[in-house]
N, C-alpha and C. Protein backbone atom coordinates (compact mmCIF):
# COMPACT_ATOMS: atom_id res chain seq x y z
N MET A 1 -39.31 52.13 32.68
CA MET A 1 -39.73 50.69 33.05
C MET A 1 -38.66 50.00 33.70
N ASN A 2 -38.96 49.39 34.89
CA ASN A 2 -37.85 48.50 35.37
C ASN A 2 -37.47 47.37 34.67
N PRO A 3 -36.65 46.66 34.94
CA PRO A 3 -35.93 45.46 34.30
C PRO A 3 -37.15 44.35 34.45
N ALA A 4 -37.75 44.23 35.85
CA ALA A 4 -38.89 43.14 36.00
C ALA A 4 -39.90 43.49 34.91
N ALA A 5 -40.30 44.60 35.01
CA ALA A 5 -41.38 44.79 33.98
C ALA A 5 -41.16 44.46 32.58
N PHE A 6 -39.98 45.03 32.26
CA PHE A 6 -39.73 44.61 30.93
C PHE A 6 -39.81 43.23 30.60
N LEU A 7 -39.01 42.38 31.44
CA LEU A 7 -38.99 40.98 31.19
C LEU A 7 -40.30 40.47 31.03
N LEU A 8 -41.49 40.98 31.74
CA LEU A 8 -42.83 40.62 31.55
C LEU A 8 -43.44 41.05 30.16
N PHE A 9 -43.06 42.31 29.92
CA PHE A 9 -43.70 42.86 28.71
C PHE A 9 -43.24 42.17 27.55
N ILE A 10 -42.02 42.00 27.28
CA ILE A 10 -41.67 41.29 25.99
C ILE A 10 -42.30 40.05 25.43
N PRO A 11 -42.11 39.04 26.44
CA PRO A 11 -42.85 37.66 26.06
C PRO A 11 -44.57 38.00 25.69
N ALA A 12 -45.03 38.97 26.71
CA ALA A 12 -46.34 39.15 26.28
C ALA A 12 -46.76 39.89 24.85
N LEU A 13 -45.74 40.81 24.82
CA LEU A 13 -45.90 41.51 23.28
C LEU A 13 -45.70 40.67 22.05
N ILE A 14 -44.73 39.60 22.44
CA ILE A 14 -44.31 38.44 21.10
C ILE A 14 -45.40 37.55 21.10
N GLY A 15 -46.21 37.24 22.35
CA GLY A 15 -47.28 36.19 22.36
C GLY A 15 -48.44 36.74 21.50
N ARG A 16 -48.89 38.07 21.66
CA ARG A 16 -49.92 38.63 21.12
C ARG A 16 -49.46 38.63 19.73
N LEU A 17 -48.38 39.28 19.30
CA LEU A 17 -48.06 39.34 17.91
C LEU A 17 -48.20 37.95 16.97
N ALA A 18 -47.67 37.05 17.57
CA ALA A 18 -47.72 35.55 17.08
C ALA A 18 -49.19 34.87 17.10
N THR A 19 -49.91 35.32 18.20
CA THR A 19 -51.24 34.97 18.09
C THR A 19 -52.04 35.49 16.90
N GLY A 20 -51.81 36.94 16.56
CA GLY A 20 -52.40 37.83 15.56
C GLY A 20 -51.84 37.03 14.18
N VAL A 21 -50.91 36.87 14.20
CA VAL A 21 -50.10 36.64 12.70
C VAL A 21 -50.90 34.98 12.54
N LEU A 22 -51.09 34.26 13.57
CA LEU A 22 -51.55 32.78 13.28
C LEU A 22 -53.05 32.87 13.09
N THR A 23 -53.66 33.55 13.79
CA THR A 23 -55.19 34.10 13.36
C THR A 23 -55.25 34.37 11.81
N GLN A 24 -54.53 35.33 11.52
CA GLN A 24 -54.83 35.92 9.90
C GLN A 24 -54.36 34.90 9.15
N GLN A 25 -53.44 33.85 9.36
CA GLN A 25 -53.09 32.65 8.56
C GLN A 25 -54.10 32.06 8.35
N GLN A 26 -54.63 31.73 9.21
CA GLN A 26 -55.98 30.70 9.39
C GLN A 26 -57.25 31.18 8.38
N LYS A 27 -57.28 32.55 8.61
CA LYS A 27 -58.52 32.92 8.14
C LYS A 27 -58.24 33.33 6.72
N VAL A 28 -57.03 33.44 5.85
CA VAL A 28 -56.82 33.47 4.49
C VAL A 28 -58.04 32.68 3.79
N GLY A 29 -58.59 32.91 2.65
CA GLY A 29 -59.06 32.21 1.75
C GLY A 29 -60.38 31.24 2.50
N VAL A 30 -60.86 32.01 3.46
CA VAL A 30 -61.93 31.01 4.20
C VAL A 30 -62.72 31.78 4.68
N GLU A 31 -64.15 31.36 4.48
CA GLU A 31 -65.37 31.95 4.66
C GLU A 31 -65.53 32.16 5.95
N SER A 32 -65.69 33.85 6.20
CA SER A 32 -65.91 33.95 7.96
C SER A 32 -67.31 33.54 8.21
N ASP A 33 -67.63 33.60 9.59
CA ASP A 33 -68.69 32.97 10.29
C ASP A 33 -69.28 34.29 10.94
N SER A 34 -70.36 34.72 10.33
CA SER A 34 -71.11 36.08 10.60
C SER A 34 -71.69 35.96 12.07
N VAL A 35 -71.46 37.28 12.79
CA VAL A 35 -72.10 37.30 14.08
C VAL A 35 -73.85 37.41 13.87
N TYR A 36 -74.21 37.61 12.93
CA TYR A 36 -75.68 37.79 12.88
C TYR A 36 -76.30 36.58 12.40
N PRO A 37 -77.45 36.01 12.61
CA PRO A 37 -78.17 35.29 12.02
C PRO A 37 -78.63 35.76 10.23
N GLU A 38 -78.71 34.43 9.54
CA GLU A 38 -78.91 34.56 8.16
C GLU A 38 -80.25 35.33 7.93
N GLU A 39 -81.45 35.20 9.02
CA GLU A 39 -82.59 35.90 8.74
C GLU A 39 -82.22 37.32 8.48
N TRP A 40 -81.47 37.76 8.99
CA TRP A 40 -81.24 39.49 9.14
C TRP A 40 -81.05 39.83 7.76
N LYS A 41 -80.49 39.08 6.73
CA LYS A 41 -80.01 39.64 5.45
C LYS A 41 -81.55 39.79 4.54
N THR A 42 -82.73 39.31 5.02
CA THR A 42 -83.95 39.63 4.56
C THR A 42 -85.03 40.24 5.45
N GLY A 43 -84.69 40.38 6.61
CA GLY A 43 -85.68 40.96 7.70
C GLY A 43 -85.77 42.32 7.44
N PRO A 44 -86.20 43.00 8.62
CA PRO A 44 -86.57 44.17 8.69
C PRO A 44 -85.37 45.35 8.09
N THR A 45 -85.62 46.35 7.84
CA THR A 45 -84.51 47.16 7.30
C THR A 45 -83.43 47.50 8.48
N TRP A 46 -83.77 47.67 9.42
CA TRP A 46 -82.54 48.07 10.45
C TRP A 46 -81.64 46.63 10.50
N GLN A 47 -82.29 45.35 10.30
CA GLN A 47 -81.62 44.08 10.41
C GLN A 47 -80.62 44.25 9.10
N GLN A 48 -81.10 44.42 7.96
CA GLN A 48 -80.45 44.53 6.73
C GLN A 48 -79.30 45.32 6.62
N HIS A 49 -79.51 46.54 7.06
CA HIS A 49 -78.40 47.54 7.28
C HIS A 49 -77.39 47.20 8.44
N THR A 50 -77.71 46.42 9.33
CA THR A 50 -76.89 46.38 10.23
C THR A 50 -75.86 45.03 9.84
N ALA A 51 -76.67 44.10 9.12
CA ALA A 51 -76.08 43.00 8.36
C ALA A 51 -74.79 43.44 7.46
N MET A 52 -75.26 44.27 6.42
CA MET A 52 -74.27 44.91 5.54
C MET A 52 -73.46 45.55 6.16
N THR A 53 -73.41 46.51 7.21
CA THR A 53 -72.48 46.96 7.73
C THR A 53 -71.42 46.03 8.23
N LEU A 54 -72.21 45.20 9.19
CA LEU A 54 -71.00 44.25 9.63
C LEU A 54 -70.30 43.31 8.59
N ASP A 55 -70.95 43.01 7.37
CA ASP A 55 -70.29 42.44 6.24
C ASP A 55 -69.08 43.29 5.57
N ARG A 56 -69.24 44.85 5.74
CA ARG A 56 -68.42 45.64 4.99
C ARG A 56 -67.37 45.81 5.97
N LEU A 57 -67.60 45.80 7.01
CA LEU A 57 -66.71 46.11 8.15
C LEU A 57 -65.63 44.54 8.74
N HIS A 58 -66.34 43.59 7.70
CA HIS A 58 -65.71 42.17 8.11
C HIS A 58 -65.51 41.99 9.72
N ILE A 59 -66.49 42.42 10.17
CA ILE A 59 -66.58 42.10 11.72
C ILE A 59 -67.29 40.50 11.99
N ASP A 60 -66.59 39.85 12.42
CA ASP A 60 -67.19 38.16 12.15
C ASP A 60 -66.56 37.74 13.65
N LYS A 61 -67.03 36.25 13.78
CA LYS A 61 -67.05 35.63 15.28
C LYS A 61 -65.46 35.82 15.58
N ASP A 62 -64.57 35.55 14.52
CA ASP A 62 -63.00 35.94 15.11
C ASP A 62 -62.91 37.18 15.77
N PHE A 63 -63.35 38.27 14.83
CA PHE A 63 -63.11 39.52 15.59
C PHE A 63 -63.62 39.67 16.72
N VAL A 64 -64.60 39.00 17.28
CA VAL A 64 -65.34 38.98 18.58
C VAL A 64 -64.40 38.29 19.51
N SER A 65 -64.15 37.14 19.09
CA SER A 65 -63.29 36.34 20.19
C SER A 65 -61.78 36.44 20.18
N ALA A 66 -61.48 37.23 19.36
CA ALA A 66 -59.71 37.53 19.07
C ALA A 66 -59.12 38.18 20.55
N PRO A 67 -59.87 39.41 21.14
CA PRO A 67 -59.40 40.15 22.34
C PRO A 67 -59.38 39.08 23.62
N ARG A 68 -60.24 38.19 23.29
CA ARG A 68 -60.28 37.17 24.43
C ARG A 68 -59.20 35.92 24.24
N ARG A 69 -58.82 35.63 23.30
CA ARG A 69 -57.69 35.00 23.18
C ARG A 69 -56.29 35.78 23.66
N LEU A 70 -56.35 36.91 22.99
CA LEU A 70 -55.15 37.60 23.33
C LEU A 70 -54.77 37.87 24.56
N SER A 71 -55.87 38.02 25.27
CA SER A 71 -55.79 38.44 26.70
C SER A 71 -55.30 37.16 27.51
N LEU A 72 -55.10 36.16 27.05
CA LEU A 72 -54.67 34.79 27.70
C LEU A 72 -53.39 35.25 27.91
N LEU A 73 -52.68 35.81 27.01
CA LEU A 73 -51.21 35.98 26.70
C LEU A 73 -50.64 37.08 27.56
N SER A 74 -51.52 38.02 28.22
CA SER A 74 -51.11 39.02 29.04
C SER A 74 -50.63 38.89 30.24
N PRO A 75 -49.78 39.62 30.75
CA PRO A 75 -49.02 39.30 32.09
C PRO A 75 -50.13 39.89 32.90
């Protein structure tokens, strides 16, 4: 890696790490917003299973929007 690329890489890496830490701090103890509608919990079987899987994996709106926020700090 040449010095110019290294000088761009380090601030981007630090920015990504800082954004991730701040995002996680904000989420502690807060109920997350689900990506699916509430009707899915009582809907057809495939919707119920999808909702349970998304809940179990903790996939919420922050999970979906985090890559977009992190890409803003990329060189």
